[in-house]
Amino acid sequence: MPVPLLVTFAAGVAGDWRVDRIEPVRGAGLEGAARLAVVEGTGVGVPTGARWTLRGVTSHLRYTTEVERRLLIARQPELGRLQATRAALIPIRKREAWWMLAQDERRAILEERTQHISTGVKYLPAVARRLMHCRDLGEPFDFLTWFEYAPEDAGAFEELVGRLRESEEWSYVEREVDVRLTRGIEDGVRTP
């Protein structure tokens, strides 16, 4: 099992990712910013002047069967691939009704009826992803979902997000913001 990792997303004027757009999907949005820094670990400084920060912690896989877990591990690419110059940060908060369900009821909605896991697997390895939990950190969202993909896989990513947003599970979403990013672009010039 991977060690839990604190990840902080800081939006402002510094960071490796240029913010292309920030759109509220459901509920309130987030303030605009030019750049996004992704800071991993504790004791690591967040760029000064951040307009907003969101924190989450990586964790073990939840809601997965052993077969699903093995499939995800086998197909999931590493983050930071050179060709993956596009990203999306999608923070989500679910309604209290979701959290009042027992875990087996949430699993039934998540996979048996919505096919969230099996849908996501179809887009691996083109779209790398990382899920961070933040409900218990007192953050404004329950989850921070981070995706990285190459420009030629942007259509596949849009299809994935569209399918998940049409699902029964998404009916429990109270707030969602879609932040789209490009890495290595500053003042119109690609940086290494």
N, C-alpha and C. Protein backbone atom coordinates (compact mmCIF):
# COMPACT_ATOMS: atom_id res chain seq x y z
N MET A 1 0.85 -1.17 0.00
CA MET A 1 0.00 0.00 0.00
C MET A 1 0.89 1.24 0.00
N PRO A 2 0.60 2.21 -0.87
CA PRO A 2 1.41 3.42 -0.89
C PRO A 2 1.24 4.22 0.40
N VAL A 3 2.29 4.91 0.76
CA VAL A 3 2.26 5.76 1.95
C VAL A 3 1.36 6.95 1.65
N PRO A 4 0.47 7.33 2.57
CA PRO A 4 -0.34 8.52 2.33
C PRO A 4 0.55 9.74 2.06
N LEU A 5 0.14 10.54 1.11
CA LEU A 5 0.91 11.69 0.68
C LEU A 5 0.01 12.92 0.69
N LEU A 6 0.41 13.96 1.41
CA LEU A 6 -0.31 15.22 1.39
C LEU A 6 0.04 15.93 0.09
N VAL A 7 -1.00 16.37 -0.64
CA VAL A 7 -0.80 17.11 -1.88
C VAL A 7 -1.56 18.43 -1.75
N THR A 8 -0.85 19.52 -2.03
CA THR A 8 -1.44 20.85 -1.97
C THR A 8 -1.43 21.46 -3.37
N PHE A 9 -2.58 21.96 -3.79
CA PHE A 9 -2.70 22.66 -5.06
C PHE A 9 -2.84 24.14 -4.72
N ALA A 10 -1.90 24.95 -5.21
CA ALA A 10 -1.89 26.38 -4.91
C ALA A 10 -2.02 27.16 -6.21
N ALA A 11 -3.09 27.92 -6.34
CA ALA A 11 -3.36 28.70 -7.55
C ALA A 11 -2.99 30.15 -7.30
N GLY A 12 -2.19 30.69 -8.20
CA GLY A 12 -1.76 32.08 -8.07
C GLY A 12 -0.96 32.51 -9.29
N VAL A 13 0.27 32.99 -9.04
CA VAL A 13 1.11 33.45 -10.14
C VAL A 13 2.33 32.55 -10.37
N ALA A 14 2.49 31.51 -9.54
CA ALA A 14 3.64 30.61 -9.66
C ALA A 14 3.15 29.18 -9.79
N GLY A 15 3.96 28.37 -10.48
CA GLY A 15 3.64 26.95 -10.60
C GLY A 15 3.97 26.44 -11.99
N ASP A 16 4.14 25.12 -12.09
CA ASP A 16 4.50 24.50 -13.37
C ASP A 16 3.34 24.43 -14.36
N TRP A 17 2.12 24.64 -13.89
CA TRP A 17 0.95 24.48 -14.74
C TRP A 17 0.30 25.83 -15.01
N ARG A 18 0.08 26.15 -16.28
CA ARG A 18 -0.67 27.34 -16.65
C ARG A 18 -2.16 27.02 -16.54
N VAL A 19 -2.91 27.89 -15.92
CA VAL A 19 -4.36 27.69 -15.81
C VAL A 19 -5.00 28.19 -17.11
N ASP A 20 -5.64 27.28 -17.81
CA ASP A 20 -6.34 27.63 -19.05
C ASP A 20 -7.75 28.10 -18.79
N ARG A 21 -8.41 27.45 -17.82
CA ARG A 21 -9.76 27.87 -17.45
C ARG A 21 -10.16 27.25 -16.12
N ILE A 22 -11.05 27.94 -15.43
CA ILE A 22 -11.65 27.45 -14.18
C ILE A 22 -13.15 27.64 -14.34
N GLU A 23 -13.90 26.54 -14.36
CA GLU A 23 -15.34 26.61 -14.57
C GLU A 23 -16.09 25.87 -13.47
N PRO A 24 -17.07 26.52 -12.87
CA PRO A 24 -17.93 25.79 -11.95
C PRO A 24 -18.84 24.86 -12.75
N VAL A 25 -18.92 23.62 -12.34
CA VAL A 25 -19.82 22.65 -12.98
C VAL A 25 -21.11 22.57 -12.19
N ARG A 26 -20.99 22.56 -10.88
CA ARG A 26 -22.14 22.57 -9.98
C ARG A 26 -21.72 23.32 -8.72
N GLY A 27 -22.52 24.28 -8.30
CA GLY A 27 -22.21 25.05 -7.11
C GLY A 27 -21.21 26.15 -7.41
N ALA A 28 -20.62 26.69 -6.35
CA ALA A 28 -19.70 27.81 -6.47
C ALA A 28 -18.40 27.40 -7.13
N GLY A 29 -17.80 28.34 -7.86
CA GLY A 29 -16.53 28.10 -8.53
C GLY A 29 -15.36 28.43 -7.62
N LEU A 30 -14.21 28.65 -8.22
CA LEU A 30 -12.99 29.06 -7.53
C LEU A 30 -12.49 30.33 -8.21
N GLU A 31 -11.78 31.14 -7.47
CA GLU A 31 -11.23 32.38 -8.01
C GLU A 31 -10.23 32.09 -9.13
N GLY A 32 -10.19 32.97 -10.12
CA GLY A 32 -9.27 32.82 -11.23
C GLY A 32 -7.82 32.97 -10.81
N ALA A 33 -6.92 32.35 -11.57
CA ALA A 33 -5.48 32.43 -11.31
C ALA A 33 -4.74 32.15 -12.61
N ALA A 34 -3.48 32.53 -12.67
CA ALA A 34 -2.67 32.33 -13.87
C ALA A 34 -1.93 30.99 -13.86
N ARG A 35 -1.49 30.54 -12.69
CA ARG A 35 -0.66 29.33 -12.59
C ARG A 35 -1.15 28.46 -11.44
N LEU A 36 -0.75 27.18 -11.51
CA LEU A 36 -1.07 26.25 -10.43
C LEU A 36 0.20 25.49 -10.06
N ALA A 37 0.52 25.50 -8.78
CA ALA A 37 1.63 24.71 -8.24
C ALA A 37 1.05 23.47 -7.57
N VAL A 38 1.68 22.33 -7.81
CA VAL A 38 1.31 21.08 -7.16
C VAL A 38 2.45 20.73 -6.21
N VAL A 39 2.17 20.78 -4.92
CA VAL A 39 3.20 20.61 -3.90
C VAL A 39 2.92 19.31 -3.15
N GLU A 40 3.88 18.40 -3.16
CA GLU A 40 3.72 17.11 -2.51
C GLU A 40 4.51 17.06 -1.21
N GLY A 41 3.88 16.57 -0.16
CA GLY A 41 4.54 16.37 1.11
C GLY A 41 4.27 17.46 2.12
N THR A 42 4.74 17.20 3.34
CA THR A 42 4.61 18.18 4.42
C THR A 42 5.93 18.91 4.55
N GLY A 43 5.88 20.09 5.09
CA GLY A 43 7.10 20.85 5.28
C GLY A 43 7.65 21.45 4.00
N VAL A 44 6.90 21.34 2.91
CA VAL A 44 7.32 21.90 1.64
C VAL A 44 6.55 23.20 1.45
N GLY A 45 7.24 24.25 1.11
CA GLY A 45 6.60 25.56 1.00
C GLY A 45 5.65 25.68 -0.17
N VAL A 46 4.56 26.36 0.08
CA VAL A 46 3.59 26.69 -0.95
C VAL A 46 3.97 28.06 -1.49
N PRO A 47 3.91 28.27 -2.82
CA PRO A 47 4.27 29.58 -3.36
C PRO A 47 3.48 30.70 -2.67
N THR A 48 4.16 31.82 -2.44
CA THR A 48 3.49 32.96 -1.82
C THR A 48 2.54 33.60 -2.83
N GLY A 49 1.54 34.25 -2.29
CA GLY A 49 0.58 34.95 -3.14
C GLY A 49 -0.48 34.05 -3.75
N ALA A 50 -0.67 32.87 -3.21
CA ALA A 50 -1.70 31.97 -3.75
C ALA A 50 -3.08 32.57 -3.51
N ARG A 51 -3.93 32.53 -4.54
CA ARG A 51 -5.30 33.02 -4.42
C ARG A 51 -6.17 32.00 -3.70
N TRP A 52 -5.86 30.72 -3.90
CA TRP A 52 -6.53 29.66 -3.15
C TRP A 52 -5.62 28.43 -3.11
N THR A 53 -5.81 27.65 -2.07
CA THR A 53 -5.11 26.37 -1.94
C THR A 53 -6.13 25.30 -1.59
N LEU A 54 -5.90 24.12 -2.12
CA LEU A 54 -6.71 22.95 -1.79
C LEU A 54 -5.75 21.84 -1.40
N ARG A 55 -6.09 21.12 -0.32
CA ARG A 55 -5.23 20.04 0.16
C ARG A 55 -6.00 18.73 0.18
N GLY A 56 -5.28 17.67 -0.12
CA GLY A 56 -5.86 16.34 -0.03
C GLY A 56 -4.76 15.33 0.27
N VAL A 57 -5.17 14.13 0.64
CA VAL A 57 -4.24 13.07 0.99
C VAL A 57 -4.53 11.86 0.13
N THR A 58 -3.47 11.31 -0.47
CA THR A 58 -3.63 10.05 -1.19
C THR A 58 -3.89 8.95 -0.15
N SER A 59 -4.52 7.89 -0.58
CA SER A 59 -4.87 6.83 0.35
C SER A 59 -4.91 5.51 -0.40
N HIS A 60 -5.22 4.46 0.33
CA HIS A 60 -5.40 3.17 -0.31
C HIS A 60 -6.66 3.21 -1.18
N LEU A 61 -6.76 2.29 -2.13
CA LEU A 61 -7.94 2.23 -2.98
C LEU A 61 -9.14 1.82 -2.13
N ARG A 62 -10.24 2.52 -2.34
CA ARG A 62 -11.48 2.21 -1.62
C ARG A 62 -12.53 1.78 -2.63
N TYR A 63 -13.47 1.01 -2.18
CA TYR A 63 -14.60 0.55 -3.01
C TYR A 63 -14.19 -0.44 -4.09
N THR A 64 -12.93 -0.84 -4.17
CA THR A 64 -12.50 -1.75 -5.23
C THR A 64 -12.45 -3.19 -4.74
N THR A 65 -12.75 -4.09 -5.66
CA THR A 65 -12.53 -5.51 -5.40
C THR A 65 -11.06 -5.81 -5.68
N GLU A 66 -10.61 -6.99 -5.34
CA GLU A 66 -9.22 -7.36 -5.60
C GLU A 66 -8.94 -7.38 -7.10
N VAL A 67 -9.85 -7.88 -7.89
CA VAL A 67 -9.67 -7.91 -9.35
C VAL A 67 -9.55 -6.49 -9.90
N GLU A 68 -10.41 -5.60 -9.45
CA GLU A 68 -10.36 -4.20 -9.90
C GLU A 68 -9.06 -3.53 -9.46
N ARG A 69 -8.65 -3.80 -8.24
CA ARG A 69 -7.41 -3.21 -7.73
C ARG A 69 -6.22 -3.63 -8.59
N ARG A 70 -6.12 -4.91 -8.88
CA ARG A 70 -5.02 -5.40 -9.71
C ARG A 70 -5.03 -4.78 -11.10
N LEU A 71 -6.21 -4.66 -11.67
CA LEU A 71 -6.35 -4.07 -13.00
C LEU A 71 -5.92 -2.60 -12.99
N LEU A 72 -6.35 -1.86 -11.99
CA LEU A 72 -5.96 -0.45 -11.89
C LEU A 72 -4.45 -0.30 -11.73
N ILE A 73 -3.86 -1.10 -10.88
CA ILE A 73 -2.41 -1.03 -10.66
C ILE A 73 -1.66 -1.39 -11.94
N ALA A 74 -2.12 -2.39 -12.66
CA ALA A 74 -1.45 -2.83 -13.88
C ALA A 74 -1.53 -1.79 -14.99
N ARG A 75 -2.63 -1.06 -15.08
CA ARG A 75 -2.85 -0.15 -16.21
C ARG A 75 -2.55 1.32 -15.90
N GLN A 76 -2.48 1.68 -14.62
CA GLN A 76 -2.30 3.08 -14.23
C GLN A 76 -0.89 3.56 -14.52
N PRO A 77 -0.71 4.56 -15.40
CA PRO A 77 0.64 5.07 -15.63
C PRO A 77 1.06 6.03 -14.53
N GLU A 78 2.34 6.31 -14.47
CA GLU A 78 2.88 7.28 -13.51
C GLU A 78 2.47 8.69 -13.92
N LEU A 79 2.33 9.55 -12.96
CA LEU A 79 2.13 10.96 -13.25
C LEU A 79 3.46 11.55 -13.70
N GLY A 80 3.40 12.67 -14.41
CA GLY A 80 4.61 13.36 -14.81
C GLY A 80 5.21 12.88 -16.11
N ARG A 81 4.47 12.08 -16.90
CA ARG A 81 4.99 11.65 -18.20
C ARG A 81 5.25 12.88 -19.07
N LEU A 82 6.33 12.88 -19.82
CA LEU A 82 6.70 14.04 -20.64
C LEU A 82 5.61 14.43 -21.62
N GLN A 83 4.96 13.45 -22.25
CA GLN A 83 3.94 13.75 -23.25
C GLN A 83 2.63 14.24 -22.64
N ALA A 84 2.45 14.04 -21.36
CA ALA A 84 1.19 14.44 -20.68
C ALA A 84 1.30 15.90 -20.26
N THR A 85 1.10 16.80 -21.20
CA THR A 85 1.24 18.23 -20.94
C THR A 85 -0.09 18.91 -20.63
N ARG A 86 -1.15 18.14 -20.58
CA ARG A 86 -2.47 18.66 -20.20
C ARG A 86 -2.89 18.02 -18.89
N ALA A 87 -3.65 18.77 -18.12
CA ALA A 87 -4.13 18.24 -16.84
C ALA A 87 -5.48 18.85 -16.50
N ALA A 88 -6.14 18.19 -15.58
CA ALA A 88 -7.39 18.71 -15.03
C ALA A 88 -7.38 18.43 -13.53
N LEU A 89 -7.72 19.45 -12.79
CA LEU A 89 -7.96 19.31 -11.35
C LEU A 89 -9.47 19.48 -11.19
N ILE A 90 -10.12 18.45 -10.66
CA ILE A 90 -11.57 18.51 -10.49
C ILE A 90 -11.90 18.22 -9.03
N PRO A 91 -12.06 19.29 -8.23
CA PRO A 91 -12.49 19.11 -6.84
C PRO A 91 -13.99 18.84 -6.80
N ILE A 92 -14.39 17.92 -5.92
CA ILE A 92 -15.79 17.50 -5.82
C ILE A 92 -16.20 17.41 -4.35
N ARG A 93 -17.40 17.90 -4.07
CA ARG A 93 -18.02 17.68 -2.76
C ARG A 93 -19.37 17.02 -3.01
N LYS A 94 -19.62 15.93 -2.29
CA LYS A 94 -20.89 15.21 -2.43
C LYS A 94 -21.86 15.66 -1.35
N ARG A 95 -23.13 15.50 -1.67
CA ARG A 95 -24.19 15.87 -0.72
C ARG A 95 -24.12 14.96 0.51
N GLU A 96 -24.65 15.45 1.61
CA GLU A 96 -24.64 14.68 2.86
C GLU A 96 -25.37 13.35 2.69
N ALA A 97 -26.36 13.31 1.79
CA ALA A 97 -27.10 12.05 1.55
C ALA A 97 -26.15 10.92 1.12
N TRP A 98 -25.09 11.25 0.38
CA TRP A 98 -24.10 10.25 -0.04
C TRP A 98 -23.41 9.65 1.18
N TRP A 99 -23.01 10.51 2.10
CA TRP A 99 -22.25 10.06 3.26
C TRP A 99 -23.13 9.36 4.29
N MET A 100 -24.43 9.56 4.22
CA MET A 100 -25.35 8.86 5.12
C MET A 100 -25.59 7.42 4.68
N LEU A 101 -25.24 7.09 3.43
CA LEU A 101 -25.35 5.72 2.95
C LEU A 101 -24.26 4.85 3.56
N ALA A 102 -24.56 3.58 3.76
CA ALA A 102 -23.53 2.63 4.21
C ALA A 102 -22.53 2.42 3.07
N GLN A 103 -21.33 1.98 3.40
CA GLN A 103 -20.29 1.81 2.38
C GLN A 103 -20.73 0.85 1.27
N ASP A 104 -21.44 -0.24 1.61
CA ASP A 104 -21.86 -1.16 0.56
C ASP A 104 -22.90 -0.51 -0.36
N GLU A 105 -23.71 0.42 0.16
CA GLU A 105 -24.67 1.14 -0.68
C GLU A 105 -23.93 2.11 -1.61
N ARG A 106 -22.90 2.76 -1.10
CA ARG A 106 -22.11 3.66 -1.95
C ARG A 106 -21.39 2.85 -3.03
N ARG A 107 -20.86 1.69 -2.66
CA ARG A 107 -20.19 0.82 -3.64
C ARG A 107 -21.18 0.38 -4.72
N ALA A 108 -22.40 0.04 -4.33
CA ALA A 108 -23.41 -0.38 -5.31
C ALA A 108 -23.70 0.73 -6.32
N ILE A 109 -23.80 1.95 -5.85
CA ILE A 109 -24.03 3.08 -6.76
C ILE A 109 -22.79 3.33 -7.59
N LEU A 110 -21.63 3.36 -6.94
CA LEU A 110 -20.37 3.69 -7.60
C LEU A 110 -20.03 2.71 -8.72
N GLU A 111 -20.14 1.43 -8.47
CA GLU A 111 -19.68 0.47 -9.47
C GLU A 111 -20.79 -0.40 -10.06
N GLU A 112 -21.60 -1.02 -9.23
CA GLU A 112 -22.60 -1.92 -9.80
C GLU A 112 -23.58 -1.18 -10.73
N ARG A 113 -23.99 0.04 -10.36
CA ARG A 113 -24.96 0.77 -11.17
C ARG A 113 -24.32 1.82 -12.07
N THR A 114 -23.25 2.44 -11.63
CA THR A 114 -22.64 3.53 -12.39
C THR A 114 -21.43 3.07 -13.21
N GLN A 115 -20.77 2.01 -12.79
CA GLN A 115 -19.56 1.50 -13.44
C GLN A 115 -18.44 2.54 -13.45
N HIS A 116 -18.29 3.27 -12.35
CA HIS A 116 -17.26 4.31 -12.24
C HIS A 116 -15.85 3.72 -12.44
N ILE A 117 -15.55 2.64 -11.75
CA ILE A 117 -14.21 2.05 -11.84
C ILE A 117 -13.97 1.46 -13.21
N SER A 118 -14.88 0.64 -13.69
CA SER A 118 -14.68 -0.01 -14.99
C SER A 118 -14.67 1.01 -16.13
N THR A 119 -15.41 2.09 -15.99
CA THR A 119 -15.35 3.16 -17.00
C THR A 119 -13.97 3.81 -16.99
N GLY A 120 -13.47 4.15 -15.81
CA GLY A 120 -12.16 4.77 -15.71
C GLY A 120 -11.04 3.91 -16.26
N VAL A 121 -11.12 2.59 -16.03
CA VAL A 121 -10.08 1.67 -16.50
C VAL A 121 -9.99 1.70 -18.02
N LYS A 122 -11.11 1.90 -18.71
CA LYS A 122 -11.10 1.92 -20.17
C LYS A 122 -10.24 3.05 -20.73
N TYR A 123 -10.02 4.10 -19.95
CA TYR A 123 -9.25 5.25 -20.42
C TYR A 123 -7.79 5.23 -19.96
N LEU A 124 -7.40 4.18 -19.26
CA LEU A 124 -6.00 3.98 -18.88
C LEU A 124 -5.31 3.24 -20.01
N PRO A 125 -4.10 3.48 -20.32
CA PRO A 125 -3.16 4.39 -19.69
C PRO A 125 -3.14 5.80 -20.29
N ALA A 126 -4.02 6.10 -21.25
CA ALA A 126 -4.01 7.42 -21.89
C ALA A 126 -4.18 8.54 -20.86
N VAL A 127 -5.06 8.32 -19.90
CA VAL A 127 -5.34 9.33 -18.87
C VAL A 127 -4.85 8.80 -17.53
N ALA A 128 -3.80 9.41 -17.01
CA ALA A 128 -3.31 9.06 -15.67
C ALA A 128 -4.14 9.82 -14.65
N ARG A 129 -4.34 9.21 -13.48
CA ARG A 129 -5.16 9.89 -12.49
C ARG A 129 -4.65 9.62 -11.09
N ARG A 130 -5.02 10.57 -10.22
CA ARG A 130 -4.72 10.43 -8.79
C ARG A 130 -5.90 11.01 -8.03
N LEU A 131 -6.33 10.30 -7.02
CA LEU A 131 -7.43 10.75 -6.18
C LEU A 131 -6.89 11.09 -4.80
N MET A 132 -7.27 12.26 -4.31
CA MET A 132 -6.91 12.67 -2.97
C MET A 132 -8.18 12.88 -2.16
N HIS A 133 -8.15 12.44 -0.92
CA HIS A 133 -9.29 12.58 -0.02
C HIS A 133 -9.06 13.82 0.85
N CYS A 134 -10.12 14.60 1.05
CA CYS A 134 -9.94 15.81 1.87
C CYS A 134 -11.13 16.10 2.77
N ARG A 135 -12.12 15.23 2.78
CA ARG A 135 -13.31 15.45 3.61
C ARG A 135 -12.94 15.60 5.09
N ASP A 136 -12.02 14.79 5.57
CA ASP A 136 -11.66 14.80 6.98
C ASP A 136 -10.59 15.84 7.33
N LEU A 137 -10.16 16.62 6.34
CA LEU A 137 -9.16 17.66 6.59
C LEU A 137 -9.79 19.04 6.81
N GLY A 138 -11.11 19.11 6.75
CA GLY A 138 -11.78 20.39 6.92
C GLY A 138 -11.69 21.26 5.67
N GLU A 139 -11.44 20.65 4.54
CA GLU A 139 -11.34 21.36 3.27
C GLU A 139 -12.75 21.57 2.69
N PRO A 140 -12.89 22.45 1.71
CA PRO A 140 -14.22 22.72 1.14
C PRO A 140 -14.73 21.63 0.19
N PHE A 141 -13.88 20.64 -0.12
CA PHE A 141 -14.28 19.55 -1.01
C PHE A 141 -14.03 18.21 -0.31
N ASP A 142 -14.66 17.15 -0.81
CA ASP A 142 -14.44 15.81 -0.29
C ASP A 142 -13.29 15.11 -1.00
N PHE A 143 -13.16 15.40 -2.30
CA PHE A 143 -12.15 14.75 -3.14
C PHE A 143 -11.50 15.78 -4.04
N LEU A 144 -10.23 15.55 -4.33
CA LEU A 144 -9.54 16.29 -5.38
C LEU A 144 -9.12 15.24 -6.41
N THR A 145 -9.62 15.35 -7.61
CA THR A 145 -9.26 14.41 -8.66
C THR A 145 -8.32 15.10 -9.63
N TRP A 146 -7.18 14.48 -9.88
CA TRP A 146 -6.13 15.03 -10.73
C TRP A 146 -5.93 14.08 -11.90
N PHE A 147 -5.95 14.62 -13.10
CA PHE A 147 -5.77 13.84 -14.32
C PHE A 147 -4.67 14.48 -15.15
N GLU A 148 -3.83 13.65 -15.79
CA GLU A 148 -2.83 14.12 -16.74
C GLU A 148 -2.96 13.31 -18.01
N TYR A 149 -2.80 13.99 -19.16
CA TYR A 149 -2.94 13.32 -20.46
C TYR A 149 -2.23 14.13 -21.53
N ALA A 150 -1.93 13.48 -22.63
CA ALA A 150 -1.30 14.14 -23.78
C ALA A 150 -2.37 14.90 -24.56
N PRO A 151 -1.99 15.94 -25.29
CA PRO A 151 -2.98 16.70 -26.07
C PRO A 151 -3.82 15.82 -27.00
N GLU A 152 -3.21 14.80 -27.59
CA GLU A 152 -3.97 13.92 -28.50
C GLU A 152 -4.99 13.04 -27.76
N ASP A 153 -4.92 12.98 -26.44
CA ASP A 153 -5.88 12.21 -25.65
C ASP A 153 -6.95 13.09 -24.99
N ALA A 154 -6.99 14.37 -25.38
CA ALA A 154 -7.97 15.30 -24.79
C ALA A 154 -9.40 14.85 -25.07
N GLY A 155 -9.67 14.33 -26.26
CA GLY A 155 -11.01 13.84 -26.59
C GLY A 155 -11.42 12.68 -25.71
N ALA A 156 -10.50 11.77 -25.45
CA ALA A 156 -10.79 10.63 -24.57
C ALA A 156 -11.08 11.12 -23.16
N PHE A 157 -10.32 12.12 -22.70
CA PHE A 157 -10.57 12.64 -21.37
C PHE A 157 -11.96 13.28 -21.29
N GLU A 158 -12.33 14.07 -22.28
CA GLU A 158 -13.66 14.70 -22.29
C GLU A 158 -14.76 13.64 -22.28
N GLU A 159 -14.55 12.58 -23.02
CA GLU A 159 -15.53 11.48 -23.04
C GLU A 159 -15.65 10.83 -21.66
N LEU A 160 -14.53 10.58 -21.02
CA LEU A 160 -14.52 9.99 -19.68
C LEU A 160 -15.30 10.87 -18.70
N VAL A 161 -14.97 12.16 -18.66
CA VAL A 161 -15.64 13.06 -17.73
C VAL A 161 -17.13 13.15 -18.04
N GLY A 162 -17.47 13.21 -19.31
CA GLY A 162 -18.88 13.27 -19.70
C GLY A 162 -19.65 12.05 -19.25
N ARG A 163 -19.06 10.88 -19.42
CA ARG A 163 -19.74 9.64 -18.99
C ARG A 163 -19.96 9.62 -17.49
N LEU A 164 -18.97 10.04 -16.73
CA LEU A 164 -19.11 10.03 -15.27
C LEU A 164 -20.15 11.05 -14.80
N ARG A 165 -20.21 12.19 -15.48
CA ARG A 165 -21.19 13.21 -15.09
C ARG A 165 -22.62 12.85 -15.46
N GLU A 166 -22.82 11.88 -16.31
CA GLU A 166 -24.16 11.42 -16.67
C GLU A 166 -24.66 10.30 -15.76
N SER A 167 -23.85 9.89 -14.81
CA SER A 167 -24.14 8.71 -14.00
C SER A 167 -25.01 9.03 -12.78
N GLU A 168 -25.56 7.98 -12.21
CA GLU A 168 -26.32 8.11 -10.96
C GLU A 168 -25.43 8.65 -9.84
N GLU A 169 -24.20 8.22 -9.79
CA GLU A 169 -23.29 8.69 -8.75
C GLU A 169 -23.18 10.21 -8.78
N TRP A 170 -23.11 10.80 -9.97
CA TRP A 170 -22.92 12.24 -10.07
C TRP A 170 -24.13 13.01 -9.53
N SER A 171 -25.29 12.35 -9.45
CA SER A 171 -26.47 13.04 -8.90
C SER A 171 -26.25 13.40 -7.42
N TYR A 172 -25.26 12.79 -6.79
CA TYR A 172 -24.93 13.11 -5.39
C TYR A 172 -23.93 14.26 -5.27
N VAL A 173 -23.43 14.77 -6.38
CA VAL A 173 -22.45 15.85 -6.34
C VAL A 173 -23.15 17.17 -6.02
N GLU A 174 -22.66 17.84 -4.98
CA GLU A 174 -23.19 19.13 -4.55
C GLU A 174 -22.38 20.29 -5.14
N ARG A 175 -21.07 20.07 -5.26
CA ARG A 175 -20.19 21.10 -5.79
C ARG A 175 -19.09 20.44 -6.60
N GLU A 176 -18.83 20.98 -7.77
CA GLU A 176 -17.74 20.50 -8.62
C GLU A 176 -17.19 21.68 -9.41
N VAL A 177 -15.87 21.76 -9.49
CA VAL A 177 -15.20 22.79 -10.28
C VAL A 177 -14.24 22.07 -11.22
N ASP A 178 -14.15 22.55 -12.45
CA ASP A 178 -13.30 21.96 -13.47
C ASP A 178 -12.18 22.95 -13.79
N VAL A 179 -10.94 22.60 -13.42
CA VAL A 179 -9.77 23.44 -13.65
C VAL A 179 -8.92 22.76 -14.71
N ARG A 180 -8.74 23.42 -15.85
CA ARG A 180 -7.93 22.85 -16.95
C ARG A 180 -6.60 23.55 -17.04
N LEU A 181 -5.55 22.77 -17.32
CA LEU A 181 -4.18 23.26 -17.23
C LEU A 181 -3.30 22.75 -18.35
N THR A 182 -2.23 23.49 -18.61
CA THR A 182 -1.21 23.08 -19.57
C THR A 182 0.15 23.25 -18.89
N ARG A 183 1.00 22.22 -19.01
CA ARG A 183 2.33 22.26 -18.38
C ARG A 183 3.39 22.75 -19.37
N GLY A 184 4.35 23.50 -18.84
CA GLY A 184 5.49 23.88 -19.64
C GLY A 184 5.24 25.04 -20.58
N ILE A 185 4.18 25.80 -20.33
CA ILE A 185 3.87 26.94 -21.19
C ILE A 185 3.96 28.20 -20.34
N GLU A 186 4.81 29.11 -20.74
CA GLU A 186 4.89 30.39 -20.04
C GLU A 186 5.16 31.47 -21.09
N ASP A 187 4.32 32.45 -21.13
CA ASP A 187 4.44 33.54 -22.10
C ASP A 187 4.48 33.01 -23.54
N GLY A 188 3.72 31.92 -23.80
CA GLY A 188 3.63 31.39 -25.15
C GLY A 188 4.81 30.56 -25.58
N VAL A 189 5.79 30.34 -24.72
CA VAL A 189 6.97 29.57 -25.08
C VAL A 189 7.03 28.31 -24.23
N ARG A 190 7.20 27.18 -24.89
CA ARG A 190 7.28 25.91 -24.16
C ARG A 190 8.60 25.85 -23.42
N THR A 191 8.53 25.49 -22.14
CA THR A 191 9.74 25.33 -21.34
C THR A 191 9.98 23.85 -21.09
N PRO A 192 11.21 23.45 -20.90
CA PRO A 192 11.49 22.02 -20.68
C PRO A 192 10.96 21.51 -19.37
